[in-house]
Amino acid sequence: MIVRFKTNVDVEVMLNKLQESLQVSTKAAIIRLAIAYSVNMEGDPRLVNGVVKEFNAHSQNGAEYNRFTIFGNDEAVYKTLMAKNLGRQITDEEFFPALTNAHLERGIKELNADFRLARNKDRFLLQLLNRK
């Protein structure tokens, strides 16, 4: 079982910016929010031009995160949400790190864009509360 994974630099930059702007104590909270954003979107986050992009741990050059730090006791919930998003069962190897990373990359971009549109923490949080 893989227990750690690395992000890429672009994700790490957005995580740092959002953590600072939202005044959240850990990046793990932002990661969970980004994953939640992504699982609410349709389609496999790994698809690029109709082809599933393979996760390459060696090409990741950002920070390293522990599986338990990201999911805590809620790992089964996240795995179930990701499986529901794909419309099929997923293996543990597929769930972490491949799908987790793909959902993080897709979700952090959306989260960052929504924050930039809101222009401040309060508007962003109100937008999150009203999101369907």
C-alpha atoms as a PDB file:
ATOM      1  CA  MET A   1       0.000   0.000   0.000  1.00  0.00           C
ATOM      2  CA  ILE A   2       1.376   3.379  -1.032  1.00  0.00           C
ATOM      3  CA  VAL A   3       1.170   5.853   1.842  1.00  0.00           C
ATOM      4  CA  ARG A   4       2.790   8.983   0.377  1.00  0.00           C
ATOM      5  CA  PHE A   5       2.590  10.957  -2.837  1.00  0.00           C
ATOM      6  CA  LYS A   6       4.047  14.140  -4.273  1.00  0.00           C
ATOM      7  CA  THR A   7       2.248  16.991  -5.951  1.00  0.00           C
ATOM      8  CA  ASN A   8       3.609  19.025  -8.825  1.00  0.00           C
ATOM      9  CA  VAL A   9       4.960  22.559  -8.463  1.00  0.00           C
ATOM     10  CA  ASP A  10       1.864  24.218  -9.984  1.00  0.00           C
ATOM     11  CA  VAL A  11      -0.415  22.503  -7.476  1.00  0.00           C
ATOM     12  CA  GLU A  12       1.909  23.438  -4.641  1.00  0.00           C
ATOM     13  CA  VAL A  13       1.910  27.114  -5.645  1.00  0.00           C
ATOM     14  CA  MET A  14      -1.913  27.166  -5.673  1.00  0.00           C
ATOM     15  CA  LEU A  15      -2.069  25.298  -2.347  1.00  0.00           C
ATOM     16  CA  ASN A  16       0.262  27.842  -0.716  1.00  0.00           C
ATOM     17  CA  LYS A  17      -1.681  30.796  -2.104  1.00  0.00           C
ATOM     18  CA  LEU A  18      -5.072  29.409  -1.073  1.00  0.00           C
ATOM     19  CA  GLN A  19      -3.843  28.401   2.377  1.00  0.00           C
ATOM     20  CA  GLU A  20      -2.566  31.917   2.970  1.00  0.00           C
ATOM     21  CA  SER A  21      -5.611  33.660   1.482  1.00  0.00           C
ATOM     22  CA  LEU A  22      -8.185  31.495   3.252  1.00  0.00           C
ATOM     23  CA  GLN A  23      -6.174  31.438   6.480  1.00  0.00           C
ATOM     24  CA  VAL A  24      -6.472  27.674   6.806  1.00  0.00           C
ATOM     25  CA  SER A  25      -4.055  25.958   9.195  1.00  0.00           C
ATOM     26  CA  THR A  26      -3.074  23.069   6.908  1.00  0.00           C
ATOM     27  CA  LYS A  27      -2.718  22.392   3.209  1.00  0.00           C
ATOM     28  CA  ALA A  28      -4.497  19.080   3.794  1.00  0.00           C
ATOM     29  CA  ALA A  29      -7.750  20.991   4.331  1.00  0.00           C
ATOM     30  CA  ILE A  30      -7.295  22.725   0.976  1.00  0.00           C
ATOM     31  CA  ILE A  31      -6.438  19.375  -0.649  1.00  0.00           C
ATOM     32  CA  ARG A  32      -9.663  17.833   0.684  1.00  0.00           C
ATOM     33  CA  LEU A  33     -11.672  20.803  -0.570  1.00  0.00           C
ATOM     34  CA  ALA A  34     -10.018  20.590  -4.016  1.00  0.00           C
ATOM     35  CA  ILE A  35     -10.764  16.861  -4.230  1.00  0.00           C
ATOM     36  CA  ALA A  36     -14.389  17.543  -3.256  1.00  0.00           C
ATOM     37  CA  TYR A  37     -14.599  20.151  -6.024  1.00  0.00           C
ATOM     38  CA  SER A  38     -13.323  17.643  -8.554  1.00  0.00           C
ATOM     39  CA  VAL A  39     -15.545  14.711  -7.571  1.00  0.00           C
ATOM     40  CA  ASN A  40     -18.539  17.000  -8.078  1.00  0.00           C
ATOM     41  CA  MET A  41     -17.474  17.502 -11.690  1.00  0.00           C
ATOM     42  CA  GLU A  42     -18.362  14.998 -14.397  1.00  0.00           C
ATOM     43  CA  GLY A  43     -15.865  12.633 -15.970  1.00  0.00           C
ATOM     44  CA  ASP A  44     -12.582  11.007 -15.181  1.00  0.00           C
ATOM     45  CA  PRO A  45     -10.074  13.684 -14.133  1.00  0.00           C
ATOM     46  CA  ARG A  46      -7.271  11.656 -15.725  1.00  0.00           C
ATOM     47  CA  LEU A  47      -8.680  11.968 -19.245  1.00  0.00           C
ATOM     48  CA  VAL A  48      -6.670  14.165 -21.589  1.00  0.00           C
ATOM     49  CA  ASN A  49      -7.983  14.225 -25.158  1.00  0.00           C
ATOM     50  CA  GLY A  50      -9.865  10.975 -24.531  1.00  0.00           C
ATOM     51  CA  VAL A  51      -6.817   9.119 -23.193  1.00  0.00           C
ATOM     52  CA  VAL A  52      -6.199   8.305 -19.517  1.00  0.00           C
ATOM     53  CA  LYS A  53      -3.068  10.119 -18.382  1.00  0.00           C
ATOM     54  CA  GLU A  54      -0.870   7.809 -16.318  1.00  0.00           C
ATOM     55  CA  PHE A  55       0.386   9.031 -12.947  1.00  0.00           C
ATOM     56  CA  ASN A  56       4.178   9.202 -12.860  1.00  0.00           C
ATOM     57  CA  ALA A  57       5.445   9.641  -9.312  1.00  0.00           C
ATOM     58  CA  HIS A  58       8.954  10.421 -10.559  1.00  0.00           C
ATOM     59  CA  SER A  59       7.810  13.479 -12.518  1.00  0.00           C
ATOM     60  CA  GLN A  60       6.191  15.089  -9.476  1.00  0.00           C
ATOM     61  CA  ASN A  61       8.400  17.870  -8.132  1.00  0.00           C
ATOM     62  CA  GLY A  62       6.232  19.479  -5.430  1.00  0.00           C
ATOM     63  CA  ALA A  63       5.697  18.635  -1.772  1.00  0.00           C
ATOM     64  CA  GLU A  64       5.114  15.172  -0.377  1.00  0.00           C
ATOM     65  CA  TYR A  65       1.956  14.288   1.570  1.00  0.00           C
ATOM     66  CA  ASN A  66       1.019  11.332   3.731  1.00  0.00           C
ATOM     67  CA  ARG A  67      -2.162   9.469   2.857  1.00  0.00           C
ATOM     68  CA  PHE A  68      -3.524   9.671   6.410  1.00  0.00           C
ATOM     69  CA  THR A  69      -2.775  13.401   6.596  1.00  0.00           C
ATOM     70  CA  ILE A  70      -4.945  13.968   3.544  1.00  0.00           C
ATOM     71  CA  PHE A  71      -7.868  11.679   4.341  1.00  0.00           C
ATOM     72  CA  GLY A  72      -7.653  10.853   8.028  1.00  0.00           C
ATOM     73  CA  ASN A  73     -10.429   8.464   9.030  1.00  0.00           C
ATOM     74  CA  ASP A  74     -12.510   9.501   6.007  1.00  0.00           C
ATOM     75  CA  GLU A  75     -10.496   7.664   3.346  1.00  0.00           C
ATOM     76  CA  ALA A  76     -13.349   5.242   2.602  1.00  0.00           C
ATOM     77  CA  VAL A  77     -15.696   8.187   1.985  1.00  0.00           C
ATOM     78  CA  TYR A  78     -13.315   9.752  -0.538  1.00  0.00           C
ATOM     79  CA  LYS A  79     -12.726   6.417  -2.257  1.00  0.00           C
ATOM     80  CA  THR A  80     -16.488   5.892  -2.523  1.00  0.00           C
ATOM     81  CA  LEU A  81     -17.003   9.390  -3.950  1.00  0.00           C
ATOM     82  CA  MET A  82     -14.285   8.825  -6.542  1.00  0.00           C
ATOM     83  CA  ALA A  83     -15.786   5.465  -7.516  1.00  0.00           C
ATOM     84  CA  LYS A  84     -19.228   7.071  -7.829  1.00  0.00           C
ATOM     85  CA  ASN A  85     -17.711   9.800 -10.018  1.00  0.00           C
ATOM     86  CA  LEU A  86     -16.335   7.121 -12.368  1.00  0.00           C
ATOM     87  CA  GLY A  87     -19.460   4.980 -12.159  1.00  0.00           C
ATOM     88  CA  ARG A  88     -17.554   1.845 -11.192  1.00  0.00           C
ATOM     89  CA  GLN A  89     -15.535   0.216  -8.427  1.00  0.00           C
ATOM     90  CA  ILE A  90     -11.895   1.251  -8.115  1.00  0.00           C
ATOM     91  CA  THR A  91      -8.895  -0.580  -6.719  1.00  0.00           C
ATOM     92  CA  ASP A  92      -6.779   0.757  -3.899  1.00  0.00           C
ATOM     93  CA  GLU A  93      -3.878   1.193  -6.337  1.00  0.00           C
ATOM     94  CA  GLU A  94      -6.072   3.248  -8.646  1.00  0.00           C
ATOM     95  CA  PHE A  95      -7.474   5.322  -5.776  1.00  0.00           C
ATOM     96  CA  PHE A  96      -4.103   6.334  -4.330  1.00  0.00           C
ATOM     97  CA  PRO A  97      -2.106   7.983  -5.693  1.00  0.00           C
ATOM     98  CA  ALA A  98      -3.392   8.115  -9.303  1.00  0.00           C
ATOM     99  CA  LEU A  99      -7.016   9.213  -8.853  1.00  0.00           C
ATOM    100  CA  THR A 100      -6.250  11.230  -5.745  1.00  0.00           C
ATOM    101  CA  ASN A 101      -3.623  13.213  -7.635  1.00  0.00           C
ATOM    102  CA  ALA A 102      -5.834  13.656 -10.702  1.00  0.00           C
ATOM    103  CA  HIS A 103      -8.745  14.919  -8.601  1.00  0.00           C
ATOM    104  CA  LEU A 104      -6.403  17.227  -6.695  1.00  0.00           C
ATOM    105  CA  GLU A 105      -4.963  18.705  -9.903  1.00  0.00           C
ATOM    106  CA  ARG A 106      -8.383  19.253 -11.475  1.00  0.00           C
ATOM    107  CA  GLY A 107     -10.031  20.482  -8.279  1.00  0.00           C
ATOM    108  CA  ILE A 108      -7.296  22.901  -7.222  1.00  0.00           C
ATOM    109  CA  LYS A 109      -7.541  24.694 -10.574  1.00  0.00           C
ATOM    110  CA  GLU A 110     -11.305  25.162 -10.136  1.00  0.00           C
ATOM    111  CA  LEU A 111     -10.953  26.122  -6.493  1.00  0.00           C
ATOM    112  CA  ASN A 112      -8.274  28.672  -7.333  1.00  0.00           C
ATOM    113  CA  ALA A 113     -10.346  30.125 -10.193  1.00  0.00           C
ATOM    114  CA  ASP A 114     -13.419  30.446  -7.958  1.00  0.00           C
ATOM    115  CA  PHE A 115     -11.358  32.156  -5.266  1.00  0.00           C
ATOM    116  CA  ARG A 116      -9.903  34.623  -7.770  1.00  0.00           C
ATOM    117  CA  LEU A 117     -13.408  35.432  -9.039  1.00  0.00           C
ATOM    118  CA  ALA A 118     -14.688  35.970  -5.491  1.00  0.00           C
ATOM    119  CA  ARG A 119     -11.708  38.245  -4.790  1.00  0.00           C
ATOM    120  CA  ASN A 120     -11.758  37.724  -1.021  1.00  0.00           C
ATOM    121  CA  LYS A 121     -12.215  35.095   1.662  1.00  0.00           C
ATOM    122  CA  ASP A 122     -15.710  36.150   2.788  1.00  0.00           C
ATOM    123  CA  ARG A 123     -17.194  36.211  -0.703  1.00  0.00           C
ATOM    124  CA  PHE A 124     -15.556  32.915  -1.497  1.00  0.00           C
ATOM    125  CA  LEU A 125     -16.956  31.229   1.618  1.00  0.00           C
ATOM    126  CA  LEU A 126     -20.440  32.565   0.841  1.00  0.00           C
ATOM    127  CA  GLN A 127     -20.068  31.252  -2.698  1.00  0.00           C
ATOM    128  CA  LEU A 128     -19.076  27.833  -1.309  1.00  0.00           C
ATOM    129  CA  LEU A 129     -22.118  27.759   0.961  1.00  0.00           C
ATOM    130  CA  ASN A 130     -24.445  28.579  -1.935  1.00  0.00           C
ATOM    131  CA  ARG A 131     -22.836  26.108  -4.328  1.00  0.00           C
ATOM    132  CA  LYS A 132     -25.081  23.340  -5.607  1.00  0.00           C
END
